[in-house]
Amino acid sequence: MTRLFIDSRIEETTSSWEITGDEARYLADVLRMRPGEELVLCDSARIDHVCEIVSVAKALVAVSIRDRHPNGNEPKFIATVYQGLAKGERMDLSIQKCVELGVTRYVPTACSRSIVKIKDGKDGKRDRWQTIALEAARQCGRGIVPKVDAPMSFADALKEAQAEHDLVLLPWEEEKDGKLGEVLENVDFGACPRIAVFIGPEGGISEEEAKLAESMGAKLVTLGKRILRTETAAPAVLAMLVFRSELE
């Protein structure tokens, strides 16, 4: 079922709603939806409102609300992925899969081995990345649209992660002893912990960066015997968090 996110809250007494602007054009011109079809509006309180389209115009779609219930698809953790800037479609794929697996916030991060450099924000990459996050959130039934932040340096990202998260993880191919499973055994997922995950670019995390992260409280962990591509590593970690918190 088609899913839209709205910034405001729909009160329980509300029985109808008007969708305007880009979202209305998306329904009318892209999806070509018609009266009688159903869609879901997810509001700022993470309530899913099941609606039926009443009328469709170019810039306004009117719906009636048939049912509502809390969205139950958010994970039992709040995860920020600090992804080392990577080339081409690798960032696109990483963002898409991280959103599907429950990331809350995604931060492109400039590492010492990053080939891609931080731009001034005028190249449109961040807007495209946010659109990828939106489309992935729609597809997998999320209760929020994860935010793709502006790029930041590795050092600044470490400082932020240390200050704002309960656990900071850094998968590193040179780490042999730190097992992610053992680290997660001590995590209280009932408290919805805030977890930061650092992922290196194509060339990986340097030894200097790994040691700096460890000195600031990050847990260096191995993801197994195989070295994963940069676009695979973050989704792999998130999948393990989902398993530990929901499926084990």
C-alpha atoms as a PDB file:
ATOM      1  CA  MET A   1       0.000   0.000   0.000  1.00  0.00           C
ATOM      2  CA  THR A   2       1.279   3.472  -0.874  1.00  0.00           C
ATOM      3  CA  ARG A   3       2.844   5.213   2.112  1.00  0.00           C
ATOM      4  CA  LEU A   4       3.385   8.927   2.767  1.00  0.00           C
ATOM      5  CA  PHE A   5       5.045  10.734   5.673  1.00  0.00           C
ATOM      6  CA  ILE A   6       3.723  14.028   7.010  1.00  0.00           C
ATOM      7  CA  ASP A   7       5.443  16.424   9.413  1.00  0.00           C
ATOM      8  CA  SER A   8       2.357  17.275  11.472  1.00  0.00           C
ATOM      9  CA  ARG A   9       0.269  15.170  13.833  1.00  0.00           C
ATOM     10  CA  ILE A  10      -3.220  14.030  12.859  1.00  0.00           C
ATOM     11  CA  GLU A  11      -5.543  14.155  15.872  1.00  0.00           C
ATOM     12  CA  GLU A  12      -7.681  11.146  16.751  1.00  0.00           C
ATOM     13  CA  THR A  13     -10.862  13.126  16.103  1.00  0.00           C
ATOM     14  CA  THR A  14      -9.803  13.983  12.544  1.00  0.00           C
ATOM     15  CA  SER A  15     -11.704  12.036   9.897  1.00  0.00           C
ATOM     16  CA  SER A  16     -10.386  13.678   6.719  1.00  0.00           C
ATOM     17  CA  TRP A  17      -7.121  15.155   5.453  1.00  0.00           C
ATOM     18  CA  GLU A  18      -5.828  17.131   2.500  1.00  0.00           C
ATOM     19  CA  ILE A  19      -2.499  16.253   0.880  1.00  0.00           C
ATOM     20  CA  THR A  20      -0.900  19.124  -1.028  1.00  0.00           C
ATOM     21  CA  GLY A  21       2.313  20.120  -2.793  1.00  0.00           C
ATOM     22  CA  ASP A  22       4.879  17.575  -3.970  1.00  0.00           C
ATOM     23  CA  GLU A  23       3.155  14.681  -2.220  1.00  0.00           C
ATOM     24  CA  ALA A  24      -0.127  15.425  -4.006  1.00  0.00           C
ATOM     25  CA  ARG A  25       1.667  15.614  -7.351  1.00  0.00           C
ATOM     26  CA  TYR A  26       3.428  12.327  -6.538  1.00  0.00           C
ATOM     27  CA  LEU A  27       0.076  10.621  -5.963  1.00  0.00           C
ATOM     28  CA  ALA A  28      -1.677  12.212  -8.924  1.00  0.00           C
ATOM     29  CA  ASP A  29       1.014  12.404 -11.605  1.00  0.00           C
ATOM     30  CA  VAL A  30       3.520   9.668 -10.715  1.00  0.00           C
ATOM     31  CA  LEU A  31       1.329   6.966  -9.177  1.00  0.00           C
ATOM     32  CA  ARG A  32      -1.837   8.110 -10.969  1.00  0.00           C
ATOM     33  CA  MET A  33      -3.978   7.176  -7.988  1.00  0.00           C
ATOM     34  CA  ARG A  34      -7.727   7.595  -8.195  1.00  0.00           C
ATOM     35  CA  PRO A  35     -10.699   7.966  -5.815  1.00  0.00           C
ATOM     36  CA  GLY A  36     -11.435   4.752  -3.954  1.00  0.00           C
ATOM     37  CA  GLU A  37      -7.800   3.665  -3.685  1.00  0.00           C
ATOM     38  CA  GLU A  38      -6.157   3.360  -0.270  1.00  0.00           C
ATOM     39  CA  LEU A  39      -2.934   4.749   1.151  1.00  0.00           C
ATOM     40  CA  VAL A  40      -1.245   5.149   4.537  1.00  0.00           C
ATOM     41  CA  LEU A  41      -0.316   8.483   6.100  1.00  0.00           C
ATOM     42  CA  CYS A  42       2.336   8.201   8.810  1.00  0.00           C
ATOM     43  CA  ASP A  43       2.286  11.310  10.989  1.00  0.00           C
ATOM     44  CA  SER A  44       4.873  12.892  13.273  1.00  0.00           C
ATOM     45  CA  ALA A  45       3.644  10.798  16.225  1.00  0.00           C
ATOM     46  CA  ARG A  46       4.410   7.598  14.267  1.00  0.00           C
ATOM     47  CA  ILE A  47       0.733   6.797  13.847  1.00  0.00           C
ATOM     48  CA  ASP A  48      -0.282   5.037  10.642  1.00  0.00           C
ATOM     49  CA  HIS A  49      -3.575   6.352   9.277  1.00  0.00           C
ATOM     50  CA  VAL A  50      -5.233   4.109   6.693  1.00  0.00           C
ATOM     51  CA  CYS A  51      -7.007   6.401   4.242  1.00  0.00           C
ATOM     52  CA  GLU A  52      -9.239   6.207   1.185  1.00  0.00           C
ATOM     53  CA  ILE A  53      -8.843   8.758  -1.579  1.00  0.00           C
ATOM     54  CA  VAL A  54     -11.932  10.924  -2.015  1.00  0.00           C
ATOM     55  CA  SER A  55     -10.773  13.253  -4.772  1.00  0.00           C
ATOM     56  CA  VAL A  56      -7.658  13.924  -6.815  1.00  0.00           C
ATOM     57  CA  ALA A  57      -6.569  17.259  -8.261  1.00  0.00           C
ATOM     58  CA  LYS A  58      -3.191  18.382  -9.600  1.00  0.00           C
ATOM     59  CA  ALA A  59      -2.025  19.904  -6.330  1.00  0.00           C
ATOM     60  CA  LEU A  60      -4.507  18.528  -3.794  1.00  0.00           C
ATOM     61  CA  VAL A  61      -5.592  15.021  -2.858  1.00  0.00           C
ATOM     62  CA  ALA A  62      -8.423  14.690  -0.322  1.00  0.00           C
ATOM     63  CA  VAL A  63      -8.682  11.513   1.749  1.00  0.00           C
ATOM     64  CA  SER A  64     -10.948  10.106   4.432  1.00  0.00           C
ATOM     65  CA  ILE A  65      -9.356   8.307   7.375  1.00  0.00           C
ATOM     66  CA  ARG A  66     -10.707   4.766   7.814  1.00  0.00           C
ATOM     67  CA  ASP A  67      -8.447   3.400  10.534  1.00  0.00           C
ATOM     68  CA  ARG A  68      -5.382   4.303  12.580  1.00  0.00           C
ATOM     69  CA  HIS A  69      -2.837   2.447  14.678  1.00  0.00           C
ATOM     70  CA  PRO A  70       0.674   3.028  16.059  1.00  0.00           C
ATOM     71  CA  ASN A  71       3.486   2.151  13.697  1.00  0.00           C
ATOM     72  CA  GLY A  72       5.312  -0.859  15.141  1.00  0.00           C
ATOM     73  CA  ASN A  73       8.147  -1.122  12.655  1.00  0.00           C
ATOM     74  CA  GLU A  74      10.863   0.912  14.356  1.00  0.00           C
ATOM     75  CA  PRO A  75      13.750  -1.107  15.885  1.00  0.00           C
ATOM     76  CA  LYS A  76      14.564  -1.432  19.571  1.00  0.00           C
ATOM     77  CA  PHE A  77      17.645   0.720  19.147  1.00  0.00           C
ATOM     78  CA  ILE A  78      18.533   4.153  17.802  1.00  0.00           C
ATOM     79  CA  ALA A  79      21.390   3.766  15.337  1.00  0.00           C
ATOM     80  CA  THR A  80      23.585   6.346  13.663  1.00  0.00           C
ATOM     81  CA  VAL A  81      25.821   5.144  10.843  1.00  0.00           C
ATOM     82  CA  TYR A  82      28.944   7.219  10.193  1.00  0.00           C
ATOM     83  CA  GLN A  83      29.772   6.011   6.695  1.00  0.00           C
ATOM     84  CA  GLY A  84      33.157   6.731   5.177  1.00  0.00           C
ATOM     85  CA  LEU A  85      32.609   8.644   1.937  1.00  0.00           C
ATOM     86  CA  ALA A  86      32.661   6.215  -0.978  1.00  0.00           C
ATOM     87  CA  LYS A  87      32.467   6.495  -4.759  1.00  0.00           C
ATOM     88  CA  GLY A  88      29.525   6.206  -7.112  1.00  0.00           C
ATOM     89  CA  GLU A  89      26.507   4.113  -6.233  1.00  0.00           C
ATOM     90  CA  ARG A  90      28.083   2.605  -3.134  1.00  0.00           C
ATOM     91  CA  MET A  91      26.712   5.358  -0.903  1.00  0.00           C
ATOM     92  CA  ASP A  92      23.283   5.027  -2.547  1.00  0.00           C
ATOM     93  CA  LEU A  93      23.146   1.296  -1.889  1.00  0.00           C
ATOM     94  CA  SER A  94      24.410   1.661   1.674  1.00  0.00           C
ATOM     95  CA  ILE A  95      21.786   4.285   2.524  1.00  0.00           C
ATOM     96  CA  GLN A  96      18.967   2.240   1.021  1.00  0.00           C
ATOM     97  CA  LYS A  97      19.842  -0.943   2.903  1.00  0.00           C
ATOM     98  CA  CYS A  98      20.628   0.854   6.169  1.00  0.00           C
ATOM     99  CA  VAL A  99      17.173   2.445   6.120  1.00  0.00           C
ATOM    100  CA  GLU A 100      15.569  -0.931   5.471  1.00  0.00           C
ATOM    101  CA  LEU A 101      17.461  -2.369   8.445  1.00  0.00           C
ATOM    102  CA  GLY A 102      16.544   0.352  10.912  1.00  0.00           C
ATOM    103  CA  VAL A 103      19.089   3.171  10.862  1.00  0.00           C
ATOM    104  CA  THR A 104      17.836   6.409  12.420  1.00  0.00           C
ATOM    105  CA  ARG A 105      20.503   8.777  11.097  1.00  0.00           C
ATOM    106  CA  TYR A 106      23.138   8.474   8.392  1.00  0.00           C
ATOM    107  CA  VAL A 107      26.251  10.669   8.374  1.00  0.00           C
ATOM    108  CA  PRO A 108      28.655  10.681   5.403  1.00  0.00           C
ATOM    109  CA  THR A 109      32.105  10.881   6.971  1.00  0.00           C
ATOM    110  CA  ALA A 110      35.428  12.007   5.499  1.00  0.00           C
ATOM    111  CA  CYS A 111      38.137   9.503   6.447  1.00  0.00           C
ATOM    112  CA  SER A 112      41.840   9.649   5.668  1.00  0.00           C
ATOM    113  CA  ARG A 113      41.438   7.044   2.902  1.00  0.00           C
ATOM    114  CA  SER A 114      38.287   8.521   1.385  1.00  0.00           C
ATOM    115  CA  ILE A 115      38.724   9.138  -2.339  1.00  0.00           C
ATOM    116  CA  VAL A 116      35.575  11.242  -2.473  1.00  0.00           C
ATOM    117  CA  LYS A 117      36.001  14.653  -0.869  1.00  0.00           C
ATOM    118  CA  ILE A 118      33.520  16.764   1.073  1.00  0.00           C
ATOM    119  CA  LYS A 119      31.745  19.259  -1.179  1.00  0.00           C
ATOM    120  CA  ASP A 120      30.091  22.542  -0.296  1.00  0.00           C
ATOM    121  CA  GLY A 121      26.637  20.971  -0.470  1.00  0.00           C
ATOM    122  CA  LYS A 122      25.776  22.458  -3.880  1.00  0.00           C
ATOM    123  CA  ASP A 123      26.325  19.274  -5.909  1.00  0.00           C
ATOM    124  CA  GLY A 124      22.924  17.816  -4.987  1.00  0.00           C
ATOM    125  CA  LYS A 125      24.289  14.600  -3.509  1.00  0.00           C
ATOM    126  CA  ARG A 126      22.750  15.100  -0.103  1.00  0.00           C
ATOM    127  CA  ASP A 127      19.332  15.809  -1.607  1.00  0.00           C
ATOM    128  CA  ARG A 128      19.582  12.629  -3.683  1.00  0.00           C
ATOM    129  CA  TRP A 129      20.669  10.627  -0.651  1.00  0.00           C
ATOM    130  CA  GLN A 130      17.721  11.956   1.358  1.00  0.00           C
ATOM    131  CA  THR A 131      15.362  10.968  -1.450  1.00  0.00           C
ATOM    132  CA  ILE A 132      16.814   7.450  -1.396  1.00  0.00           C
ATOM    133  CA  ALA A 133      16.174   7.310   2.361  1.00  0.00           C
ATOM    134  CA  LEU A 134      12.589   8.495   1.868  1.00  0.00           C
ATOM    135  CA  GLU A 135      11.850   5.918  -0.815  1.00  0.00           C
ATOM    136  CA  ALA A 136      13.371   3.122   1.265  1.00  0.00           C
ATOM    137  CA  ALA A 137      11.360   4.194   4.337  1.00  0.00           C
ATOM    138  CA  ARG A 138       8.167   4.116   2.273  1.00  0.00           C
ATOM    139  CA  GLN A 139       8.966   0.691   0.881  1.00  0.00           C
ATOM    140  CA  CYS A 140       9.698  -1.024   4.185  1.00  0.00           C
ATOM    141  CA  GLY A 141       6.970   0.586   6.300  1.00  0.00           C
ATOM    142  CA  ARG A 142       9.129   2.691   8.617  1.00  0.00           C
ATOM    143  CA  GLY A 143       7.578   5.018  11.177  1.00  0.00           C
ATOM    144  CA  ILE A 144      10.117   7.761  10.389  1.00  0.00           C
ATOM    145  CA  VAL A 145      12.229   8.933   7.492  1.00  0.00           C
ATOM    146  CA  PRO A 146      15.864   8.587   8.630  1.00  0.00           C
ATOM    147  CA  LYS A 147      17.881  11.772   8.200  1.00  0.00           C
ATOM    148  CA  VAL A 148      20.930  11.959   5.959  1.00  0.00           C
ATOM    149  CA  ASP A 149      23.169  14.611   7.490  1.00  0.00           C
ATOM    150  CA  ALA A 150      25.753  16.857   5.904  1.00  0.00           C
ATOM    151  CA  PRO A 151      29.219  15.266   5.672  1.00  0.00           C
ATOM    152  CA  MET A 152      31.603  15.723   8.582  1.00  0.00           C
ATOM    153  CA  SER A 153      35.206  14.849   9.344  1.00  0.00           C
ATOM    154  CA  PHE A 154      36.162  11.604  11.065  1.00  0.00           C
ATOM    155  CA  ALA A 155      37.452  13.452  14.135  1.00  0.00           C
ATOM    156  CA  ASP A 156      34.283  15.518  14.512  1.00  0.00           C
ATOM    157  CA  ALA A 157      32.159  12.425  14.018  1.00  0.00           C
ATOM    158  CA  LEU A 158      34.037  10.635  16.793  1.00  0.00           C
ATOM    159  CA  LYS A 159      33.498  13.518  19.205  1.00  0.00           C
ATOM    160  CA  GLU A 160      29.795  13.619  18.414  1.00  0.00           C
ATOM    161  CA  ALA A 161      29.390   9.857  18.683  1.00  0.00           C
ATOM    162  CA  GLN A 162      31.140   9.705  22.053  1.00  0.00           C
ATOM    163  CA  ALA A 163      28.929  12.472  23.452  1.00  0.00           C
ATOM    164  CA  GLU A 164      25.574  11.304  22.117  1.00  0.00           C
ATOM    165  CA  HIS A 165      25.607   7.491  22.089  1.00  0.00           C
ATOM    166  CA  ASP A 166      25.636   4.666  24.620  1.00  0.00           C
ATOM    167  CA  LEU A 167      27.820   2.435  22.460  1.00  0.00           C
ATOM    168  CA  VAL A 168      30.239   3.233  19.625  1.00  0.00           C
ATOM    169  CA  LEU A 169      31.224   0.393  17.304  1.00  0.00           C
ATOM    170  CA  LEU A 170      34.020   0.418  14.750  1.00  0.00           C
ATOM    171  CA  PRO A 171      34.335  -2.705  12.600  1.00  0.00           C
ATOM    172  CA  TRP A 172      37.962  -3.007  11.468  1.00  0.00           C
ATOM    173  CA  GLU A 173      39.513  -5.679   9.285  1.00  0.00           C
ATOM    174  CA  GLU A 174      42.674  -5.699  11.413  1.00  0.00           C
ATOM    175  CA  GLU A 175      40.772  -6.480  14.623  1.00  0.00           C
ATOM    176  CA  LYS A 176      40.964 -10.167  15.549  1.00  0.00           C
ATOM    177  CA  ASP A 177      39.707 -10.451  19.116  1.00  0.00           C
ATOM    178  CA  GLY A 178      36.708  -8.150  19.520  1.00  0.00           C
ATOM    179  CA  LYS A 179      33.622 -10.109  18.533  1.00  0.00           C
ATOM    180  CA  LEU A 180      30.506  -8.082  17.836  1.00  0.00           C
ATOM    181  CA  GLY A 181      28.267 -10.788  19.281  1.00  0.00           C
ATOM    182  CA  GLU A 182      30.070 -10.661  22.612  1.00  0.00           C
ATOM    183  CA  VAL A 183      29.817  -6.872  22.753  1.00  0.00           C
ATOM    184  CA  LEU A 184      26.086  -6.991  22.048  1.00  0.00           C
ATOM    185  CA  GLU A 185      25.489  -9.505  24.836  1.00  0.00           C
ATOM    186  CA  ASN A 186      25.913  -6.643  27.317  1.00  0.00           C
ATOM    187  CA  VAL A 187      23.538  -4.252  25.539  1.00  0.00           C
ATOM    188  CA  ASP A 188      20.134  -3.636  27.123  1.00  0.00           C
ATOM    189  CA  PHE A 189      17.865  -3.398  24.090  1.00  0.00           C
ATOM    190  CA  GLY A 190      14.881  -2.917  26.375  1.00  0.00           C
ATOM    191  CA  ALA A 191      16.225   0.571  27.077  1.00  0.00           C
ATOM    192  CA  CYS A 192      16.384   1.423  23.344  1.00  0.00           C
ATOM    193  CA  PRO A 193      20.119   2.160  23.367  1.00  0.00           C
ATOM    194  CA  ARG A 194      21.739   4.760  21.119  1.00  0.00           C
ATOM    195  CA  ILE A 195      24.381   3.021  19.023  1.00  0.00           C
ATOM    196  CA  ALA A 196      26.915   4.588  16.657  1.00  0.00           C
ATOM    197  CA  VAL A 197      28.522   2.527  13.881  1.00  0.00           C
ATOM    198  CA  PHE A 198      31.638   3.722  12.042  1.00  0.00           C
ATOM    199  CA  ILE A 199      32.353   2.268   8.614  1.00  0.00           C
ATOM    200  CA  GLY A 200      35.457   2.948   6.574  1.00  0.00           C
ATOM    201  CA  PRO A 201      35.558   3.916   2.870  1.00  0.00           C
ATOM    202  CA  GLU A 202      36.865   1.662   0.080  1.00  0.00           C
ATOM    203  CA  GLY A 203      40.372   1.704   1.525  1.00  0.00           C
ATOM    204  CA  GLY A 204      39.182   0.976   5.042  1.00  0.00           C
ATOM    205  CA  ILE A 205      39.903   2.655   8.355  1.00  0.00           C
ATOM    206  CA  SER A 206      43.568   3.504   8.913  1.00  0.00           C
ATOM    207  CA  GLU A 207      45.413   2.245  11.978  1.00  0.00           C
ATOM    208  CA  GLU A 208      45.710   5.817  13.263  1.00  0.00           C
ATOM    209  CA  GLU A 209      41.945   6.320  12.983  1.00  0.00           C
ATOM    210  CA  ALA A 210      41.214   2.990  14.654  1.00  0.00           C
ATOM    211  CA  LYS A 211      43.511   3.775  17.563  1.00  0.00           C
ATOM    212  CA  LEU A 212      42.038   7.265  17.931  1.00  0.00           C
ATOM    213  CA  ALA A 213      38.541   5.803  18.011  1.00  0.00           C
ATOM    214  CA  GLU A 214      39.562   3.215  20.596  1.00  0.00           C
ATOM    215  CA  SER A 215      41.157   5.891  22.785  1.00  0.00           C
ATOM    216  CA  MET A 216      37.820   7.738  22.726  1.00  0.00           C
ATOM    217  CA  GLY A 217      35.848   4.731  23.892  1.00  0.00           C
ATOM    218  CA  ALA A 218      34.864   3.030  20.643  1.00  0.00           C
ATOM    219  CA  LYS A 219      34.712  -0.761  20.562  1.00  0.00           C
ATOM    220  CA  LEU A 220      36.851  -2.211  17.772  1.00  0.00           C
ATOM    221  CA  VAL A 221      35.126  -5.328  16.441  1.00  0.00           C
ATOM    222  CA  THR A 222      35.559  -7.913  13.736  1.00  0.00           C
ATOM    223  CA  LEU A 223      32.694  -8.883  11.426  1.00  0.00           C
ATOM    224  CA  GLY A 224      34.154 -12.302  10.693  1.00  0.00           C
ATOM    225  CA  LYS A 225      36.822 -13.846   8.506  1.00  0.00           C
ATOM    226  CA  ARG A 226      35.783 -12.125   5.300  1.00  0.00           C
ATOM    227  CA  ILE A 227      36.468  -8.472   4.458  1.00  0.00           C
ATOM    228  CA  LEU A 228      33.223  -6.785   3.463  1.00  0.00           C
ATOM    229  CA  ARG A 229      32.806  -4.021   0.921  1.00  0.00           C
ATOM    230  CA  THR A 230      32.141  -0.587   2.372  1.00  0.00           C
ATOM    231  CA  GLU A 231      28.514  -0.652   1.184  1.00  0.00           C
ATOM    232  CA  THR A 232      27.954  -4.056   2.810  1.00  0.00           C
ATOM    233  CA  ALA A 233      29.465  -3.469   6.241  1.00  0.00           C
ATOM    234  CA  ALA A 234      26.918  -1.103   7.805  1.00  0.00           C
ATOM    235  CA  PRO A 235      23.885  -3.177   6.708  1.00  0.00           C
ATOM    236  CA  ALA A 236      25.646  -6.261   8.107  1.00  0.00           C
ATOM    237  CA  VAL A 237      26.058  -4.606  11.515  1.00  0.00           C
ATOM    238  CA  LEU A 238      22.459  -3.388  11.528  1.00  0.00           C
ATOM    239  CA  ALA A 239      21.235  -6.864  10.616  1.00  0.00           C
ATOM    240  CA  MET A 240      23.111  -8.220  13.644  1.00  0.00           C
ATOM    241  CA  LEU A 241      21.509  -5.564  15.853  1.00  0.00           C
ATOM    242  CA  VAL A 242      18.075  -6.531  14.546  1.00  0.00           C
ATOM    243  CA  PHE A 243      18.807 -10.191  15.227  1.00  0.00           C
ATOM    244  CA  ARG A 244      19.979  -9.518  18.785  1.00  0.00           C
ATOM    245  CA  SER A 245      17.099  -7.171  19.627  1.00  0.00           C
ATOM    246  CA  GLU A 246      14.165  -8.772  17.833  1.00  0.00           C
ATOM    247  CA  LEU A 247      14.825 -12.211  16.378  1.00  0.00           C
ATOM    248  CA  GLU A 248      17.106 -14.123  18.731  1.00  0.00           C
END
